[in-house]
Amino acid sequence: KGIVVFNTPGANANAVKELTLCALFLSSRKLLEGYEWINEQTGDVAKIAEKGKNQFVGPEIDGKKLGVFGLGAIGVNVANAATKLGMEVYGYDPYMSVSAAWGMSKWVNNAQTIDNLFSQSDYITLHAPSNKETKGIINKETIASMKDGVVILNFARGDLVVSEDIVEAVASGKVSKYVTDFADEVLLNKRNIVVFPHLGASNPESEDNCAKMAVKQVKD
């Protein structure tokens, strides 16, 4: 009927990038576990904290390998930021746009295949759309090809990950932590699985950017 339909891609890219970086630190340093534990203590909490802090030891991300699956506006921003944090970054996206390629740091390495990306990464972050090629891309088979203790972050689409398979992998220790922005009752109240209520674009800057982009598109 001649109705024009459009969206506002990239308007929330920085917001999602920042949340992904937050998840990187949370998944490494056991900050949430430490926060929950210390708030359960009573008495001389300063002394208790010093005695109990060793149970929350976690590694730095500096020098670790990060695999970025999907190199659109968000994936490129995450990859670029991670290189500045000292990570060894690998990206995979067979449909990467020219504009995204222009914006990507020269320090981001090209992973030739998904298998290559998954098998060598200490951390894997998903930034791809959901389609017939990517839906369920994180499943029992692909997880088996990953490093033991890998951390998986999903701030793209919930159905990129098979929830039942990730729960099993985390329980076994194959995946040390799964952090996602997509709620699923299968994932709730599971040790080493962190679920946020879809907060990726939940900030005033993203909302303003989306509004401005929408107005500009209508004018055009």
C-alpha atoms as a PDB file:
ATOM      1  CA  LYS A   1       0.000   0.000   0.000  1.00  0.00           C
ATOM      2  CA  GLY A   2       2.995   2.291  -0.334  1.00  0.00           C
ATOM      3  CA  ILE A   3       3.712   2.371   3.402  1.00  0.00           C
ATOM      4  CA  VAL A   4       7.311   3.214   4.168  1.00  0.00           C
ATOM      5  CA  VAL A   5       8.903   1.020   6.859  1.00  0.00           C
ATOM      6  CA  PHE A   6      12.283   1.734   8.425  1.00  0.00           C
ATOM      7  CA  ASN A   7      14.214   1.241  11.654  1.00  0.00           C
ATOM      8  CA  THR A   8      17.056   3.010  13.439  1.00  0.00           C
ATOM      9  CA  PRO A   9      20.108   0.739  13.174  1.00  0.00           C
ATOM     10  CA  GLY A  10      23.178   1.689  15.151  1.00  0.00           C
ATOM     11  CA  ALA A  11      21.472   4.279  17.330  1.00  0.00           C
ATOM     12  CA  ASN A  12      22.019   2.149  20.430  1.00  0.00           C
ATOM     13  CA  ALA A  13      25.423   0.778  19.389  1.00  0.00           C
ATOM     14  CA  ASN A  14      27.422   2.590  22.053  1.00  0.00           C
ATOM     15  CA  ALA A  15      24.978   1.648  24.803  1.00  0.00           C
ATOM     16  CA  VAL A  16      25.189  -2.052  23.941  1.00  0.00           C
ATOM     17  CA  LYS A  17      28.966  -1.814  23.606  1.00  0.00           C
ATOM     18  CA  GLU A  18      29.241  -0.410  27.129  1.00  0.00           C
ATOM     19  CA  LEU A  19      26.963  -3.110  28.563  1.00  0.00           C
ATOM     20  CA  THR A  20      29.002  -5.799  26.812  1.00  0.00           C
ATOM     21  CA  LEU A  21      32.220  -4.433  28.295  1.00  0.00           C
ATOM     22  CA  CYS A  22      30.544  -4.377  31.698  1.00  0.00           C
ATOM     23  CA  ALA A  23      29.633  -8.046  31.216  1.00  0.00           C
ATOM     24  CA  LEU A  24      33.249  -8.854  30.311  1.00  0.00           C
ATOM     25  CA  PHE A  25      34.436  -7.549  33.666  1.00  0.00           C
ATOM     26  CA  LEU A  26      31.547  -9.057  35.636  1.00  0.00           C
ATOM     27  CA  SER A  27      32.131 -12.473  34.102  1.00  0.00           C
ATOM     28  CA  SER A  28      35.844 -12.432  34.940  1.00  0.00           C
ATOM     29  CA  ARG A  29      36.207 -10.901  38.374  1.00  0.00           C
ATOM     30  CA  LYS A  30      33.267 -12.563  40.214  1.00  0.00           C
ATOM     31  CA  LEU A  31      31.998  -9.143  41.237  1.00  0.00           C
ATOM     32  CA  LEU A  32      28.340 -10.138  41.487  1.00  0.00           C
ATOM     33  CA  GLU A  33      29.193 -13.154  43.625  1.00  0.00           C
ATOM     34  CA  GLY A  34      31.322 -10.998  45.907  1.00  0.00           C
ATOM     35  CA  TYR A  35      28.600  -8.388  46.204  1.00  0.00           C
ATOM     36  CA  GLU A  36      25.970 -10.974  47.133  1.00  0.00           C
ATOM     37  CA  TRP A  37      28.276 -12.704  49.625  1.00  0.00           C
ATOM     38  CA  ILE A  38      29.394  -9.611  51.523  1.00  0.00           C
ATOM     39  CA  ASN A  39      25.802  -8.400  51.871  1.00  0.00           C
ATOM     40  CA  GLU A  40      24.922 -11.664  53.623  1.00  0.00           C
ATOM     41  CA  GLN A  41      27.595 -11.185  56.319  1.00  0.00           C
ATOM     42  CA  THR A  42      27.136  -9.769  59.816  1.00  0.00           C
ATOM     43  CA  GLY A  43      29.523  -8.653  62.530  1.00  0.00           C
ATOM     44  CA  ASP A  44      32.973  -7.292  61.706  1.00  0.00           C
ATOM     45  CA  VAL A  45      32.377  -7.268  57.950  1.00  0.00           C
ATOM     46  CA  ALA A  46      35.711  -5.606  57.180  1.00  0.00           C
ATOM     47  CA  LYS A  47      37.567  -8.502  58.830  1.00  0.00           C
ATOM     48  CA  ILE A  48      35.239 -11.078  57.274  1.00  0.00           C
ATOM     49  CA  ALA A  49      35.788  -9.513  53.838  1.00  0.00           C
ATOM     50  CA  GLU A  50      39.557  -9.750  54.095  1.00  0.00           C
ATOM     51  CA  LYS A  51      39.375 -13.409  55.163  1.00  0.00           C
ATOM     52  CA  GLY A  52      36.852 -14.425  52.521  1.00  0.00           C
ATOM     53  CA  LYS A  53      37.908 -12.437  49.488  1.00  0.00           C
ATOM     54  CA  ASN A  54      40.095 -15.196  48.024  1.00  0.00           C
ATOM     55  CA  GLN A  55      37.036 -17.168  46.945  1.00  0.00           C
ATOM     56  CA  PHE A  56      36.258 -14.393  44.448  1.00  0.00           C
ATOM     57  CA  VAL A  57      39.588 -14.311  42.625  1.00  0.00           C
ATOM     58  CA  GLY A  58      39.163 -13.868  38.879  1.00  0.00           C
ATOM     59  CA  PRO A  59      41.476 -13.267  35.909  1.00  0.00           C
ATOM     60  CA  GLU A  60      42.196 -10.054  34.039  1.00  0.00           C
ATOM     61  CA  ILE A  61      40.902  -9.726  30.496  1.00  0.00           C
ATOM     62  CA  ASP A  62      44.164  -8.128  29.362  1.00  0.00           C
ATOM     63  CA  GLY A  63      45.942 -10.504  26.982  1.00  0.00           C
ATOM     64  CA  LYS A  64      42.965 -12.851  26.643  1.00  0.00           C
ATOM     65  CA  LYS A  65      41.381 -13.779  23.306  1.00  0.00           C
ATOM     66  CA  LEU A  66      37.973 -12.326  22.490  1.00  0.00           C
ATOM     67  CA  GLY A  67      35.907 -13.709  19.626  1.00  0.00           C
ATOM     68  CA  VAL A  68      33.319 -11.310  18.185  1.00  0.00           C
ATOM     69  CA  PHE A  69      30.602 -13.043  16.178  1.00  0.00           C
ATOM     70  CA  GLY A  70      28.968 -10.379  14.009  1.00  0.00           C
ATOM     71  CA  LEU A  71      30.687  -7.155  12.948  1.00  0.00           C
ATOM     72  CA  GLY A  72      27.923  -4.636  12.487  1.00  0.00           C
ATOM     73  CA  ALA A  73      27.801  -1.296  14.299  1.00  0.00           C
ATOM     74  CA  ILE A  74      27.803  -2.903  17.751  1.00  0.00           C
ATOM     75  CA  GLY A  75      30.257  -5.709  17.038  1.00  0.00           C
ATOM     76  CA  VAL A  76      32.819  -3.329  15.550  1.00  0.00           C
ATOM     77  CA  ASN A  77      32.500  -0.972  18.533  1.00  0.00           C
ATOM     78  CA  VAL A  78      33.003  -3.864  20.951  1.00  0.00           C
ATOM     79  CA  ALA A  79      35.961  -5.232  18.984  1.00  0.00           C
ATOM     80  CA  ASN A  80      37.661  -1.828  18.817  1.00  0.00           C
ATOM     81  CA  ALA A  81      37.144  -1.158  22.525  1.00  0.00           C
ATOM     82  CA  ALA A  82      38.463  -4.589  23.485  1.00  0.00           C
ATOM     83  CA  THR A  83      41.718  -4.027  21.577  1.00  0.00           C
ATOM     84  CA  LYS A  84      42.239  -0.875  23.640  1.00  0.00           C
ATOM     85  CA  LEU A  85      41.749  -2.956  26.791  1.00  0.00           C
ATOM     86  CA  GLY A  86      44.646  -5.166  25.732  1.00  0.00           C
ATOM     87  CA  MET A  87      42.641  -8.123  24.443  1.00  0.00           C
ATOM     88  CA  GLU A  88      43.614 -10.169  21.400  1.00  0.00           C
ATOM     89  CA  VAL A  89      40.486  -9.730  19.298  1.00  0.00           C
ATOM     90  CA  TYR A  90      39.181 -11.929  16.486  1.00  0.00           C
ATOM     91  CA  GLY A  91      36.091 -11.116  14.444  1.00  0.00           C
ATOM     92  CA  TYR A  92      33.897 -13.142  12.122  1.00  0.00           C
ATOM     93  CA  ASP A  93      31.206 -11.818   9.792  1.00  0.00           C
ATOM     94  CA  PRO A  94      30.852 -13.056   6.192  1.00  0.00           C
ATOM     95  CA  TYR A  95      28.398 -10.232   5.432  1.00  0.00           C
ATOM     96  CA  MET A  96      30.336  -7.321   6.876  1.00  0.00           C
ATOM     97  CA  SER A  97      29.455  -3.988   5.262  1.00  0.00           C
ATOM     98  CA  VAL A  98      32.025  -1.648   3.746  1.00  0.00           C
ATOM     99  CA  SER A  99      31.152   1.104   6.251  1.00  0.00           C
ATOM    100  CA  ALA A 100      31.669  -1.293   9.171  1.00  0.00           C
ATOM    101  CA  ALA A 101      34.996  -2.419   7.719  1.00  0.00           C
ATOM    102  CA  TRP A 102      36.162   1.186   7.423  1.00  0.00           C
ATOM    103  CA  GLY A 103      35.407   1.733  11.105  1.00  0.00           C
ATOM    104  CA  MET A 104      37.135  -1.388  12.419  1.00  0.00           C
ATOM    105  CA  SER A 105      40.531  -1.195  14.069  1.00  0.00           C
ATOM    106  CA  LYS A 106      43.456  -2.702  12.188  1.00  0.00           C
ATOM    107  CA  TRP A 107      44.263  -4.608  15.388  1.00  0.00           C
ATOM    108  CA  VAL A 108      41.151  -6.793  15.042  1.00  0.00           C
ATOM    109  CA  ASN A 109      42.120 -10.139  13.516  1.00  0.00           C
ATOM    110  CA  ASN A 110      40.024 -11.840  10.850  1.00  0.00           C
ATOM    111  CA  ALA A 111      38.723 -15.287  11.803  1.00  0.00           C
ATOM    112  CA  GLN A 112      38.261 -17.189   8.566  1.00  0.00           C
ATOM    113  CA  THR A 113      35.558 -19.515   9.904  1.00  0.00           C
ATOM    114  CA  ILE A 114      33.137 -19.804  12.805  1.00  0.00           C
ATOM    115  CA  ASP A 115      35.022 -22.892  13.986  1.00  0.00           C
ATOM    116  CA  ASN A 116      38.253 -20.919  14.042  1.00  0.00           C
ATOM    117  CA  LEU A 117      36.592 -18.142  16.038  1.00  0.00           C
ATOM    118  CA  PHE A 118      34.964 -20.437  18.580  1.00  0.00           C
ATOM    119  CA  SER A 119      37.876 -22.823  19.123  1.00  0.00           C
ATOM    120  CA  GLN A 120      40.528 -20.242  20.033  1.00  0.00           C
ATOM    121  CA  SER A 121      38.557 -17.691  22.066  1.00  0.00           C
ATOM    122  CA  ASP A 122      38.633 -17.306  25.850  1.00  0.00           C
ATOM    123  CA  TYR A 123      35.575 -15.058  25.592  1.00  0.00           C
ATOM    124  CA  ILE A 124      32.910 -15.086  22.878  1.00  0.00           C
ATOM    125  CA  THR A 125      30.486 -12.222  22.361  1.00  0.00           C
ATOM    126  CA  LEU A 126      27.527 -12.395  19.980  1.00  0.00           C
ATOM    127  CA  HIS A 127      26.459  -9.410  17.861  1.00  0.00           C
ATOM    128  CA  ALA A 128      24.651 -10.984  14.910  1.00  0.00           C
ATOM    129  CA  PRO A 129      21.004 -10.820  13.818  1.00  0.00           C
ATOM    130  CA  SER A 130      18.755 -13.839  14.209  1.00  0.00           C
ATOM    131  CA  ASN A 131      18.143 -15.657  10.929  1.00  0.00           C
ATOM    132  CA  LYS A 132      18.178 -19.184   9.572  1.00  0.00           C
ATOM    133  CA  GLU A 133      21.983 -19.222   9.550  1.00  0.00           C
ATOM    134  CA  THR A 134      22.535 -17.895  13.065  1.00  0.00           C
ATOM    135  CA  LYS A 135      19.575 -19.137  15.115  1.00  0.00           C
ATOM    136  CA  GLY A 136      20.861 -21.636  17.687  1.00  0.00           C
ATOM    137  CA  ILE A 137      24.470 -21.072  16.619  1.00  0.00           C
ATOM    138  CA  ILE A 138      25.543 -21.691  20.210  1.00  0.00           C
ATOM    139  CA  ASN A 139      24.492 -25.261  20.825  1.00  0.00           C
ATOM    140  CA  LYS A 140      25.801 -28.540  22.203  1.00  0.00           C
ATOM    141  CA  GLU A 141      27.936 -29.225  19.119  1.00  0.00           C
ATOM    142  CA  THR A 142      29.531 -25.791  18.779  1.00  0.00           C
ATOM    143  CA  ILE A 143      30.129 -25.542  22.528  1.00  0.00           C
ATOM    144  CA  ALA A 144      32.024 -28.837  22.396  1.00  0.00           C
ATOM    145  CA  SER A 145      34.524 -27.231  19.994  1.00  0.00           C
ATOM    146  CA  MET A 146      35.261 -24.345  22.383  1.00  0.00           C
ATOM    147  CA  LYS A 147      37.945 -24.023  25.029  1.00  0.00           C
ATOM    148  CA  ASP A 148      37.170 -25.423  28.461  1.00  0.00           C
ATOM    149  CA  GLY A 149      36.057 -22.562  30.712  1.00  0.00           C
ATOM    150  CA  VAL A 150      35.019 -20.249  27.884  1.00  0.00           C
ATOM    151  CA  VAL A 151      32.837 -17.236  28.727  1.00  0.00           C
ATOM    152  CA  ILE A 152      29.897 -16.517  26.406  1.00  0.00           C
ATOM    153  CA  LEU A 153      28.155 -13.140  26.201  1.00  0.00           C
ATOM    154  CA  ASN A 154      24.896 -12.653  24.314  1.00  0.00           C
ATOM    155  CA  PHE A 155      23.690  -9.090  23.797  1.00  0.00           C
ATOM    156  CA  ALA A 156      22.318  -9.691  20.297  1.00  0.00           C
ATOM    157  CA  ARG A 157      19.292 -12.023  20.166  1.00  0.00           C
ATOM    158  CA  GLY A 158      18.105 -14.585  22.681  1.00  0.00           C
ATOM    159  CA  ASP A 159      17.565 -17.381  20.172  1.00  0.00           C
ATOM    160  CA  LEU A 160      21.177 -17.383  18.979  1.00  0.00           C
ATOM    161  CA  VAL A 161      21.806 -19.608  21.997  1.00  0.00           C
ATOM    162  CA  VAL A 162      20.014 -22.867  22.775  1.00  0.00           C
ATOM    163  CA  SER A 163      19.110 -22.262  26.420  1.00  0.00           C
ATOM    164  CA  GLU A 164      18.983 -25.907  27.485  1.00  0.00           C
ATOM    165  CA  ASP A 165      22.411 -26.553  25.952  1.00  0.00           C
ATOM    166  CA  ILE A 166      24.035 -23.550  27.627  1.00  0.00           C
ATOM    167  CA  VAL A 167      22.578 -24.520  31.003  1.00  0.00           C
ATOM    168  CA  GLU A 168      24.071 -27.993  30.631  1.00  0.00           C
ATOM    169  CA  ALA A 169      27.441 -26.581  29.516  1.00  0.00           C
ATOM    170  CA  VAL A 170      27.627 -24.160  32.454  1.00  0.00           C
ATOM    171  CA  ALA A 171      26.642 -26.875  34.940  1.00  0.00           C
ATOM    172  CA  SER A 172      29.438 -29.108  33.645  1.00  0.00           C
ATOM    173  CA  GLY A 173      32.019 -26.299  33.733  1.00  0.00           C
ATOM    174  CA  LYS A 174      32.672 -26.408  29.980  1.00  0.00           C
ATOM    175  CA  VAL A 175      31.323 -22.829  29.898  1.00  0.00           C
ATOM    176  CA  SER A 176      32.462 -20.934  32.982  1.00  0.00           C
ATOM    177  CA  LYS A 177      29.955 -18.108  32.653  1.00  0.00           C
ATOM    178  CA  TYR A 178      27.053 -17.100  30.422  1.00  0.00           C
ATOM    179  CA  VAL A 179      25.844 -13.494  30.490  1.00  0.00           C
ATOM    180  CA  THR A 180      22.825 -12.455  28.462  1.00  0.00           C
ATOM    181  CA  ASP A 181      20.427  -9.565  28.025  1.00  0.00           C
ATOM    182  CA  PHE A 182      17.529 -11.873  27.122  1.00  0.00           C
ATOM    183  CA  ALA A 183      15.393 -13.397  29.830  1.00  0.00           C
ATOM    184  CA  ASP A 184      14.379 -17.037  29.595  1.00  0.00           C
ATOM    185  CA  GLU A 185      12.923 -18.926  32.556  1.00  0.00           C
ATOM    186  CA  VAL A 186      15.248 -21.822  31.749  1.00  0.00           C
ATOM    187  CA  LEU A 187      18.215 -19.574  32.559  1.00  0.00           C
ATOM    188  CA  LEU A 188      17.020 -18.034  35.814  1.00  0.00           C
ATOM    189  CA  ASN A 189      18.507 -18.888  39.211  1.00  0.00           C
ATOM    190  CA  LYS A 190      21.369 -20.871  37.721  1.00  0.00           C
ATOM    191  CA  ARG A 191      24.879 -20.593  39.140  1.00  0.00           C
ATOM    192  CA  ASN A 192      27.265 -18.785  36.745  1.00  0.00           C
ATOM    193  CA  ILE A 193      24.446 -17.620  34.464  1.00  0.00           C
ATOM    194  CA  VAL A 194      23.720 -13.897  34.617  1.00  0.00           C
ATOM    195  CA  VAL A 195      20.522 -12.599  33.034  1.00  0.00           C
ATOM    196  CA  PHE A 196      19.696  -8.924  32.529  1.00  0.00           C
ATOM    197  CA  PRO A 197      16.194  -7.650  31.612  1.00  0.00           C
ATOM    198  CA  HIS A 198      17.104  -6.446  28.090  1.00  0.00           C
ATOM    199  CA  LEU A 199      18.934  -3.312  29.174  1.00  0.00           C
ATOM    200  CA  GLY A 200      21.066  -2.851  26.049  1.00  0.00           C
ATOM    201  CA  ALA A 201      19.446   0.356  24.833  1.00  0.00           C
ATOM    202  CA  SER A 202      18.036   1.465  28.176  1.00  0.00           C
ATOM    203  CA  ASN A 203      19.691   4.833  28.517  1.00  0.00           C
ATOM    204  CA  PRO A 204      18.661   8.379  27.586  1.00  0.00           C
ATOM    205  CA  GLU A 205      21.382   8.772  24.948  1.00  0.00           C
ATOM    206  CA  SER A 206      20.171   5.754  22.963  1.00  0.00           C
ATOM    207  CA  GLU A 207      16.560   6.881  23.119  1.00  0.00           C
ATOM    208  CA  ASP A 208      17.541  10.366  21.909  1.00  0.00           C
ATOM    209  CA  ASN A 209      19.673   8.912  19.117  1.00  0.00           C
ATOM    210  CA  CYS A 210      16.828   6.671  17.944  1.00  0.00           C
ATOM    211  CA  ALA A 211      14.381   9.590  17.955  1.00  0.00           C
ATOM    212  CA  LYS A 212      16.728  11.850  15.997  1.00  0.00           C
ATOM    213  CA  MET A 213      17.504   9.122  13.466  1.00  0.00           C
ATOM    214  CA  ALA A 214      13.805   8.367  12.971  1.00  0.00           C
ATOM    215  CA  VAL A 215      12.977  12.029  12.389  1.00  0.00           C
ATOM    216  CA  LYS A 216      15.829  12.400   9.895  1.00  0.00           C
ATOM    217  CA  GLN A 217      14.647   9.307   7.996  1.00  0.00           C
ATOM    218  CA  VAL A 218      11.084  10.636   7.820  1.00  0.00           C
ATOM    219  CA  LYS A 219      12.365  13.968   6.508  1.00  0.00           C
ATOM    220  CA  ASP A 220      14.535  12.233   3.907  1.00  0.00           C
END
